[in-house]
N, C-alpha and C. Protein backbone atom coordinates (compact mmCIF):
# COMPACT_ATOMS: atom_id res chain seq x y z
N UNK A 1 -95.85 55.00 113.34
CA UNK A 1 -95.36 54.68 114.68
C UNK A 1 -93.94 54.07 114.64
N UNK A 2 -93.65 53.16 113.66
CA UNK A 2 -92.41 52.57 113.46
C UNK A 2 -91.32 53.61 113.08
N UNK A 3 -91.82 54.60 112.24
CA UNK A 3 -90.85 55.67 111.88
C UNK A 3 -90.45 56.47 113.05
N UNK A 4 -91.40 56.82 113.90
CA UNK A 4 -91.14 57.56 115.20
C UNK A 4 -90.14 56.79 116.00
N UNK A 5 -90.33 55.50 116.15
CA UNK A 5 -89.49 54.68 116.99
C UNK A 5 -88.06 54.63 116.33
N UNK A 6 -87.98 54.44 115.06
CA UNK A 6 -86.71 54.41 114.30
C UNK A 6 -86.03 55.82 114.53
N UNK A 7 -86.73 56.85 114.42
CA UNK A 7 -86.16 58.21 114.67
C UNK A 7 -85.54 58.29 116.03
N UNK A 8 -86.31 57.92 116.97
CA UNK A 8 -85.87 57.95 118.35
C UNK A 8 -84.67 57.05 118.67
N UNK A 9 -84.65 55.91 118.02
CA UNK A 9 -83.47 55.07 118.10
C UNK A 9 -82.26 55.67 117.56
N UNK A 10 -82.36 56.37 116.35
CA UNK A 10 -81.28 57.06 115.70
C UNK A 10 -80.72 58.19 116.59
N UNK A 11 -81.66 58.93 117.21
CA UNK A 11 -81.18 60.00 118.09
C UNK A 11 -80.43 59.45 119.25
N UNK A 12 -80.89 58.28 119.80
CA UNK A 12 -80.29 57.69 120.91
C UNK A 12 -78.80 57.21 120.60
N UNK A 13 -78.54 56.79 119.43
CA UNK A 13 -77.24 56.24 119.14
C UNK A 13 -76.25 57.21 118.50
N UNK A 14 -76.85 58.41 118.01
CA UNK A 14 -75.96 59.45 117.46
C UNK A 14 -75.19 60.20 118.52
N UNK A 15 -73.95 60.40 118.32
CA UNK A 15 -73.15 61.16 119.42
C UNK A 15 -73.70 62.51 119.58
N UNK A 16 -73.75 62.99 120.87
CA UNK A 16 -74.17 64.38 121.16
C UNK A 16 -73.12 65.30 120.61
N UNK A 17 -73.54 66.46 120.21
CA UNK A 17 -72.62 67.52 119.79
C UNK A 17 -71.65 67.81 120.88
N UNK A 18 -70.34 68.15 120.55
CA UNK A 18 -69.36 68.52 121.61
C UNK A 18 -69.85 69.72 122.43
N UNK A 19 -69.59 69.61 123.76
CA UNK A 19 -70.00 70.70 124.61
C UNK A 19 -69.10 71.93 124.22
N UNK A 20 -69.73 73.06 124.35
CA UNK A 20 -69.04 74.37 124.10
C UNK A 20 -67.83 74.54 125.09
N UNK A 21 -66.75 74.84 124.61
CA UNK A 21 -65.65 75.10 125.51
C UNK A 21 -65.82 76.47 126.31
N UNK A 22 -65.31 76.44 127.55
CA UNK A 22 -65.34 77.73 128.26
C UNK A 22 -64.23 78.64 127.68
N UNK A 23 -64.35 79.95 127.99
CA UNK A 23 -63.35 80.92 127.62
C UNK A 23 -61.98 80.45 128.10
N UNK A 24 -61.91 80.01 129.33
CA UNK A 24 -60.67 79.56 129.90
C UNK A 24 -60.09 78.39 129.09
N UNK A 25 -60.85 77.42 128.73
CA UNK A 25 -60.46 76.37 127.94
C UNK A 25 -59.95 76.77 126.54
N UNK A 26 -60.73 77.70 125.91
CA UNK A 26 -60.34 78.23 124.62
C UNK A 26 -58.93 78.94 124.61
N UNK A 27 -58.77 79.76 125.72
CA UNK A 27 -57.48 80.45 125.81
C UNK A 27 -56.34 79.51 126.19
N UNK A 28 -56.57 78.48 126.99
CA UNK A 28 -55.61 77.47 127.19
C UNK A 28 -55.19 76.77 125.95
N UNK A 29 -56.18 76.53 124.97
CA UNK A 29 -55.79 75.94 123.71
C UNK A 29 -54.80 76.97 122.98
N UNK A 30 -55.10 78.20 123.12
CA UNK A 30 -54.18 79.18 122.40
C UNK A 30 -52.81 79.16 123.08
N UNK A 31 -52.74 78.94 124.37
CA UNK A 31 -51.39 78.89 125.03
C UNK A 31 -50.67 77.62 124.57
N UNK A 32 -51.35 76.57 124.29
CA UNK A 32 -50.81 75.29 123.86
C UNK A 32 -50.24 75.57 122.47
N UNK A 33 -50.93 76.22 121.61
CA UNK A 33 -50.52 76.58 120.26
C UNK A 33 -49.28 77.40 120.34
N UNK A 34 -49.28 78.41 121.15
CA UNK A 34 -48.19 79.32 121.36
C UNK A 34 -46.95 78.64 121.82
N UNK A 35 -47.09 77.78 122.79
CA UNK A 35 -45.93 76.95 123.28
C UNK A 35 -45.41 76.05 122.19
N UNK A 36 -46.29 75.42 121.41
CA UNK A 36 -45.88 74.52 120.33
C UNK A 36 -45.14 75.37 119.20
N UNK A 37 -45.59 76.53 118.92
CA UNK A 37 -44.96 77.33 117.94
C UNK A 37 -43.60 77.74 118.38
N UNK A 38 -43.47 78.10 119.65
CA UNK A 38 -42.14 78.49 120.16
C UNK A 38 -41.21 77.30 120.13
N UNK A 39 -41.69 76.13 120.55
CA UNK A 39 -40.88 74.94 120.51
C UNK A 39 -40.41 74.58 119.14
N UNK A 40 -41.19 74.87 118.08
CA UNK A 40 -40.78 74.75 116.68
C UNK A 40 -39.93 75.87 116.08
N UNK A 41 -39.89 76.93 116.98
CA UNK A 41 -39.16 78.18 116.51
C UNK A 41 -39.87 78.75 115.28
N UNK A 42 -41.17 78.67 115.25
CA UNK A 42 -42.03 79.06 114.09
C UNK A 42 -42.52 80.50 114.41
N UNK A 43 -41.83 81.51 114.04
CA UNK A 43 -42.09 82.92 114.28
C UNK A 43 -43.46 83.27 113.68
N UNK A 44 -43.69 82.90 112.46
CA UNK A 44 -45.03 83.16 111.83
C UNK A 44 -46.19 82.69 112.65
N UNK A 45 -46.06 81.40 113.18
CA UNK A 45 -47.11 80.84 114.00
C UNK A 45 -47.27 81.59 115.36
N UNK A 46 -46.18 82.06 115.92
CA UNK A 46 -46.18 82.84 117.12
C UNK A 46 -47.01 84.06 116.88
N UNK A 47 -46.62 84.78 115.85
CA UNK A 47 -47.28 86.04 115.48
C UNK A 47 -48.74 85.85 115.09
N UNK A 48 -49.08 84.80 114.48
CA UNK A 48 -50.46 84.53 114.03
C UNK A 48 -51.42 84.47 115.24
N UNK A 49 -50.90 84.20 116.45
CA UNK A 49 -51.76 84.19 117.71
C UNK A 49 -51.90 85.52 118.30
N UNK A 50 -51.25 86.52 117.74
CA UNK A 50 -51.45 87.89 118.23
C UNK A 50 -52.26 88.76 117.36
N UNK A 51 -52.97 89.75 117.89
CA UNK A 51 -53.86 90.60 117.08
C UNK A 51 -52.95 91.50 116.22
N UNK A 52 -53.54 92.02 115.23
CA UNK A 52 -52.82 92.98 114.35
C UNK A 52 -52.38 94.25 115.01
N UNK A 53 -53.06 94.53 116.22
CA UNK A 53 -52.70 95.79 116.85
C UNK A 53 -51.97 95.37 118.22
N UNK A 54 -51.43 94.21 118.28
CA UNK A 54 -50.77 93.68 119.52
C UNK A 54 -49.74 94.72 119.97
N UNK A 55 -49.75 94.96 121.29
CA UNK A 55 -48.67 95.90 121.83
C UNK A 55 -48.47 95.41 123.35
N UNK A 56 -47.33 95.90 123.90
CA UNK A 56 -47.01 95.66 125.33
C UNK A 56 -46.50 96.89 125.99
N UNK A 57 -46.56 96.92 127.30
CA UNK A 57 -45.91 97.96 128.13
C UNK A 57 -44.98 97.10 128.98
N UNK A 58 -43.62 97.31 128.72
CA UNK A 58 -42.65 96.49 129.46
C UNK A 58 -42.56 96.90 130.93
N UNK A 59 -41.64 96.19 131.65
CA UNK A 59 -41.57 96.34 133.08
C UNK A 59 -40.94 97.75 133.43
N UNK A 60 -40.24 98.41 132.54
CA UNK A 60 -39.70 99.76 132.82
C UNK A 60 -40.58 100.80 132.13
N UNK A 61 -41.85 100.41 131.75
CA UNK A 61 -42.72 101.41 131.14
C UNK A 61 -42.62 101.58 129.60
N UNK A 62 -41.68 100.84 128.94
CA UNK A 62 -41.50 101.06 127.53
C UNK A 62 -42.70 100.45 126.67
N UNK A 63 -43.15 101.26 125.75
CA UNK A 63 -44.25 100.88 124.84
C UNK A 63 -43.71 100.13 123.61
N UNK A 64 -44.13 98.92 123.42
CA UNK A 64 -43.67 98.16 122.19
C UNK A 64 -44.87 97.83 121.34
N UNK A 65 -44.79 98.06 120.03
CA UNK A 65 -45.90 97.69 119.12
C UNK A 65 -45.59 96.29 118.54
N UNK A 66 -46.51 95.85 117.72
CA UNK A 66 -46.43 94.50 117.13
C UNK A 66 -45.18 94.35 116.35
N UNK A 67 -44.65 95.28 115.62
CA UNK A 67 -43.42 95.15 114.87
C UNK A 67 -42.24 95.04 115.76
N UNK A 68 -42.10 95.77 116.80
CA UNK A 68 -40.97 95.64 117.75
C UNK A 68 -41.07 94.32 118.50
N UNK A 69 -42.29 93.85 118.80
CA UNK A 69 -42.46 92.56 119.52
C UNK A 69 -42.10 91.42 118.60
N UNK A 70 -42.31 91.55 117.25
CA UNK A 70 -42.02 90.52 116.39
C UNK A 70 -40.44 90.35 116.33
N UNK A 71 -39.84 91.46 116.26
CA UNK A 71 -38.30 91.43 116.29
C UNK A 71 -37.82 90.96 117.62
N UNK A 72 -38.39 91.28 118.75
CA UNK A 72 -38.14 90.73 119.98
C UNK A 72 -38.24 89.22 119.97
N UNK A 73 -39.29 88.71 119.38
CA UNK A 73 -39.52 87.25 119.39
C UNK A 73 -38.53 86.58 118.52
N UNK A 74 -38.13 87.22 117.43
CA UNK A 74 -37.08 86.74 116.49
C UNK A 74 -35.77 86.56 117.30
N UNK A 75 -35.41 87.58 118.04
CA UNK A 75 -34.20 87.51 118.82
C UNK A 75 -34.25 86.55 119.95
N UNK A 76 -35.48 86.34 120.51
CA UNK A 76 -35.66 85.26 121.50
C UNK A 76 -35.44 83.84 120.96
N UNK A 77 -36.07 83.58 119.78
CA UNK A 77 -36.21 82.32 119.19
C UNK A 77 -34.80 81.85 118.52
N UNK A 78 -34.13 82.79 117.90
CA UNK A 78 -32.94 82.37 117.02
C UNK A 78 -31.89 81.59 117.82
N UNK A 79 -31.43 82.05 119.00
CA UNK A 79 -30.35 81.34 119.69
C UNK A 79 -30.86 80.07 120.44
N UNK A 80 -32.07 79.84 120.44
CA UNK A 80 -32.54 78.66 121.28
C UNK A 80 -32.16 77.30 120.69
N UNK A 81 -31.84 76.42 121.57
CA UNK A 81 -31.54 74.97 121.21
C UNK A 81 -32.55 74.09 121.93
N UNK A 82 -32.94 72.99 121.26
CA UNK A 82 -33.87 72.14 121.98
C UNK A 82 -33.24 71.56 123.18
N UNK A 83 -34.05 71.31 124.12
CA UNK A 83 -35.50 71.19 124.20
C UNK A 83 -36.00 72.47 124.77
N UNK A 84 -37.05 72.98 124.19
CA UNK A 84 -37.74 74.22 124.61
C UNK A 84 -39.10 73.89 125.12
N UNK A 85 -39.40 74.28 126.40
CA UNK A 85 -40.67 74.02 126.99
C UNK A 85 -41.21 75.32 127.53
N UNK A 86 -42.49 75.51 127.21
CA UNK A 86 -43.17 76.66 127.76
C UNK A 86 -44.49 76.27 128.42
N UNK A 87 -44.65 76.76 129.68
CA UNK A 87 -45.82 76.46 130.44
C UNK A 87 -46.53 77.75 130.82
N UNK A 88 -47.85 77.80 130.49
CA UNK A 88 -48.61 78.98 130.92
C UNK A 88 -49.60 78.52 131.89
N UNK A 89 -49.71 79.12 133.06
CA UNK A 89 -50.70 78.77 134.05
C UNK A 89 -51.56 79.94 134.31
N UNK A 90 -52.87 79.88 134.02
CA UNK A 90 -53.78 80.96 134.25
C UNK A 90 -53.99 81.14 135.76
N UNK A 91 -53.76 82.29 136.31
CA UNK A 91 -53.93 82.60 137.76
C UNK A 91 -55.32 83.21 137.98
N UNK A 92 -55.75 84.03 137.04
CA UNK A 92 -56.95 84.74 137.24
C UNK A 92 -57.46 85.10 135.80
N UNK A 93 -58.79 85.03 135.61
CA UNK A 93 -59.39 85.35 134.32
C UNK A 93 -60.66 86.09 134.56
N UNK A 94 -60.77 87.25 133.80
CA UNK A 94 -61.99 88.03 133.86
C UNK A 94 -62.45 88.17 132.42
N UNK A 95 -63.70 87.92 132.09
CA UNK A 95 -64.22 87.86 130.78
C UNK A 95 -65.40 88.89 130.62
N UNK A 96 -65.38 89.59 129.47
CA UNK A 96 -66.39 90.57 129.26
C UNK A 96 -67.77 89.90 129.07
N UNK A 97 -68.77 90.71 129.17
CA UNK A 97 -70.14 90.18 129.15
C UNK A 97 -70.41 89.29 127.90
N UNK A 98 -70.02 89.69 126.77
CA UNK A 98 -70.25 89.06 125.48
C UNK A 98 -69.14 88.09 125.07
N UNK A 99 -68.20 87.90 126.05
CA UNK A 99 -67.12 86.89 125.77
C UNK A 99 -66.31 87.31 124.55
N UNK A 100 -66.00 88.57 124.45
CA UNK A 100 -65.13 89.04 123.33
C UNK A 100 -63.80 89.56 123.76
N UNK A 101 -63.72 89.92 125.12
CA UNK A 101 -62.42 90.25 125.68
C UNK A 101 -62.16 89.55 126.97
N UNK A 102 -60.91 89.07 127.16
CA UNK A 102 -60.59 88.37 128.42
C UNK A 102 -59.27 88.97 128.93
N UNK A 103 -59.26 89.31 130.25
CA UNK A 103 -58.06 89.70 130.89
C UNK A 103 -57.58 88.57 131.79
N UNK A 104 -56.31 88.22 131.52
CA UNK A 104 -55.70 87.01 132.15
C UNK A 104 -54.46 87.42 132.92
N UNK A 105 -54.39 87.00 134.18
CA UNK A 105 -53.04 87.09 134.86
C UNK A 105 -52.47 85.66 134.72
N UNK A 106 -51.30 85.59 134.15
CA UNK A 106 -50.72 84.26 133.76
C UNK A 106 -49.31 84.14 134.38
N UNK A 107 -48.95 82.96 134.83
CA UNK A 107 -47.63 82.63 135.20
C UNK A 107 -47.01 81.87 134.01
N UNK A 108 -45.91 82.53 133.45
CA UNK A 108 -45.32 81.93 132.31
C UNK A 108 -43.94 81.36 132.70
N UNK A 109 -43.70 80.13 132.37
CA UNK A 109 -42.39 79.47 132.72
C UNK A 109 -41.88 78.92 131.43
N UNK A 110 -40.53 79.31 131.16
CA UNK A 110 -39.93 78.93 129.91
C UNK A 110 -38.60 78.24 130.27
N UNK A 111 -38.38 77.00 129.68
CA UNK A 111 -37.11 76.31 129.85
C UNK A 111 -36.52 76.03 128.48
N UNK A 112 -35.28 76.44 128.29
CA UNK A 112 -34.65 76.27 126.93
C UNK A 112 -33.14 76.22 127.16
N UNK A 113 -32.45 75.86 126.08
CA UNK A 113 -30.98 75.78 126.09
C UNK A 113 -30.48 76.84 125.07
N UNK A 114 -29.51 77.50 125.42
CA UNK A 114 -28.76 78.44 124.58
C UNK A 114 -27.31 78.62 124.95
N UNK A 115 -26.58 79.02 124.02
CA UNK A 115 -25.17 79.27 124.24
C UNK A 115 -24.88 80.59 124.98
N UNK A 116 -24.13 80.50 126.03
CA UNK A 116 -23.75 81.72 126.76
C UNK A 116 -22.26 81.63 126.88
N UNK A 117 -21.47 82.59 126.38
CA UNK A 117 -20.01 82.57 126.41
C UNK A 117 -19.44 81.29 125.77
N UNK A 118 -20.14 80.82 124.78
CA UNK A 118 -19.59 79.62 124.02
C UNK A 118 -19.97 78.25 124.66
N UNK A 119 -20.74 78.34 125.69
CA UNK A 119 -21.14 77.11 126.41
C UNK A 119 -22.62 76.97 126.40
N UNK A 120 -23.07 75.73 126.02
CA UNK A 120 -24.54 75.41 125.96
C UNK A 120 -25.10 75.32 127.44
N UNK A 121 -26.05 76.19 127.70
CA UNK A 121 -26.53 76.31 129.13
C UNK A 121 -28.05 76.12 129.15
N UNK A 122 -28.62 75.65 130.21
CA UNK A 122 -30.02 75.48 130.45
C UNK A 122 -30.49 76.83 131.09
N UNK A 123 -31.33 77.55 130.40
CA UNK A 123 -31.91 78.78 130.89
C UNK A 123 -33.38 78.64 131.19
N UNK A 124 -33.72 78.98 132.48
CA UNK A 124 -35.10 78.93 132.91
C UNK A 124 -35.60 80.24 133.35
N UNK A 125 -36.68 80.72 132.81
CA UNK A 125 -37.26 82.05 133.16
C UNK A 125 -38.68 81.84 133.64
N UNK A 126 -39.14 82.77 134.50
CA UNK A 126 -40.57 82.84 134.85
C UNK A 126 -41.01 84.25 135.07
N UNK A 127 -42.19 84.45 134.83
CA UNK A 127 -42.78 85.87 135.02
C UNK A 127 -44.22 85.69 135.20
N UNK A 128 -44.88 86.62 135.98
CA UNK A 128 -46.26 86.81 136.07
C UNK A 128 -46.66 87.97 135.32
N UNK A 129 -47.63 87.94 134.49
CA UNK A 129 -47.92 89.17 133.69
C UNK A 129 -49.43 89.25 133.40
N UNK A 130 -49.97 90.39 133.07
CA UNK A 130 -51.37 90.52 132.67
C UNK A 130 -51.50 90.53 131.20
N UNK A 131 -52.43 89.75 130.64
CA UNK A 131 -52.54 89.74 129.16
C UNK A 131 -54.05 90.03 128.87
N UNK A 132 -54.27 90.69 127.82
CA UNK A 132 -55.61 90.99 127.27
C UNK A 132 -55.75 90.16 126.01
N UNK A 133 -56.71 89.26 125.94
CA UNK A 133 -57.03 88.54 124.70
C UNK A 133 -58.40 89.07 124.15
N UNK A 134 -58.43 89.07 122.83
CA UNK A 134 -59.64 89.56 122.20
C UNK A 134 -60.10 88.43 121.16
N UNK A 135 -61.44 88.29 121.09
CA UNK A 135 -61.91 87.31 120.13
C UNK A 135 -62.16 87.98 118.80
N UNK A 136 -61.40 87.45 117.75
CA UNK A 136 -61.49 87.95 116.43
C UNK A 136 -61.76 86.81 115.49
N UNK A 137 -62.84 87.02 114.70
CA UNK A 137 -63.22 86.00 113.71
C UNK A 137 -63.30 84.62 114.32
N UNK A 138 -63.88 84.54 115.54
CA UNK A 138 -64.06 83.25 116.21
C UNK A 138 -62.81 82.73 116.90
N UNK A 139 -61.71 83.48 116.93
CA UNK A 139 -60.50 82.93 117.53
C UNK A 139 -59.97 83.90 118.51
N UNK A 140 -59.41 83.51 119.59
CA UNK A 140 -58.79 84.33 120.59
C UNK A 140 -57.39 84.73 120.09
N UNK A 141 -57.11 86.04 120.23
CA UNK A 141 -55.78 86.57 119.85
C UNK A 141 -55.26 87.44 121.02
N UNK A 142 -54.00 87.32 121.21
CA UNK A 142 -53.37 88.14 122.24
C UNK A 142 -53.23 89.64 121.77
N UNK A 143 -53.80 90.50 122.57
CA UNK A 143 -53.85 91.89 122.19
C UNK A 143 -52.92 92.81 122.89
N UNK A 144 -52.66 92.50 124.25
CA UNK A 144 -51.92 93.47 125.08
C UNK A 144 -51.32 92.67 126.24
N UNK A 145 -50.03 93.06 126.62
CA UNK A 145 -49.31 92.52 127.79
C UNK A 145 -48.81 93.65 128.53
N UNK A 146 -49.01 93.55 129.91
CA UNK A 146 -48.36 94.59 130.76
C UNK A 146 -48.33 93.91 132.18
N UNK A 147 -47.97 94.80 133.15
CA UNK A 147 -47.82 94.35 134.57
C UNK A 147 -46.95 93.12 134.72
N UNK A 148 -45.75 93.04 134.06
CA UNK A 148 -44.83 91.96 134.31
C UNK A 148 -44.24 92.16 135.67
N UNK A 149 -44.18 91.01 136.45
CA UNK A 149 -43.71 91.07 137.83
C UNK A 149 -43.16 89.68 138.18
N UNK A 150 -42.41 89.66 139.32
CA UNK A 150 -41.90 88.34 139.83
C UNK A 150 -41.08 87.63 138.79
N UNK A 151 -40.25 88.39 138.01
CA UNK A 151 -39.42 87.78 137.01
C UNK A 151 -38.20 87.06 137.73
N UNK A 152 -37.91 85.85 137.20
CA UNK A 152 -36.79 85.15 137.70
C UNK A 152 -36.07 84.52 136.50
N UNK A 153 -34.73 84.45 136.59
CA UNK A 153 -33.96 83.73 135.65
C UNK A 153 -32.92 82.83 136.32
N UNK A 154 -32.89 81.63 135.87
CA UNK A 154 -31.90 80.63 136.36
C UNK A 154 -31.04 80.17 135.20
N UNK A 155 -29.79 80.11 135.32
CA UNK A 155 -28.97 79.52 134.34
C UNK A 155 -28.15 78.27 134.91
N UNK A 156 -28.37 77.11 134.40
CA UNK A 156 -27.91 75.83 135.02
C UNK A 156 -28.26 75.83 136.39
N UNK A 157 -29.55 76.17 136.79
CA UNK A 157 -30.07 76.07 138.06
C UNK A 157 -29.74 77.13 139.11
N UNK A 158 -28.85 78.07 138.61
CA UNK A 158 -28.37 79.18 139.53
C UNK A 158 -28.99 80.47 139.15
N UNK A 159 -29.34 81.32 140.11
CA UNK A 159 -29.90 82.70 139.72
C UNK A 159 -28.95 83.50 138.91
N UNK A 160 -29.58 84.17 137.90
CA UNK A 160 -28.81 84.98 136.96
C UNK A 160 -29.47 86.36 136.97
N UNK A 161 -28.67 87.42 136.95
CA UNK A 161 -27.16 87.36 137.05
C UNK A 161 -26.76 86.89 138.35
N UNK A 162 -25.54 86.38 138.39
CA UNK A 162 -24.98 85.93 139.74
C UNK A 162 -24.85 87.03 140.71
N UNK A 163 -25.04 86.75 141.94
CA UNK A 163 -24.89 87.78 143.05
C UNK A 163 -23.41 88.17 143.09
N UNK A 164 -23.20 89.40 143.27
CA UNK A 164 -21.79 90.00 143.43
C UNK A 164 -21.29 90.07 144.79
């Protein structure tokens, strides 16, 4: 009897196992990792969050594979100066029955500094896009991006390119 009481007391004071995260929470963690990797200008960490077969269809219908997108990311990161901030807001999320594929409409906002015509400027961009994430070896990886829309660019708070 005392062994049973002792066992019950042990169960009562042991912490409960952490609750399983939802797919949304898991993908939000991946967005946080992606933002941190961009802020560090860590191209390897950025690409590690993408599947081996990652690809995009750009706003003008251009097809880009993982290799071309790695080069695009390199060109994006190289001229950046701190402070770099990236915010991803999930607008809509659809998850497959077995939670192995997720389609996300996301609003991406990026604020960074870069030199334009020899002057350090604050550049802010935003876009809404559709992303497909796949679960591989227990981790969500970005597989595909398309449907880019509502793109905006501000340089020092003014629309870019300037109106003519």
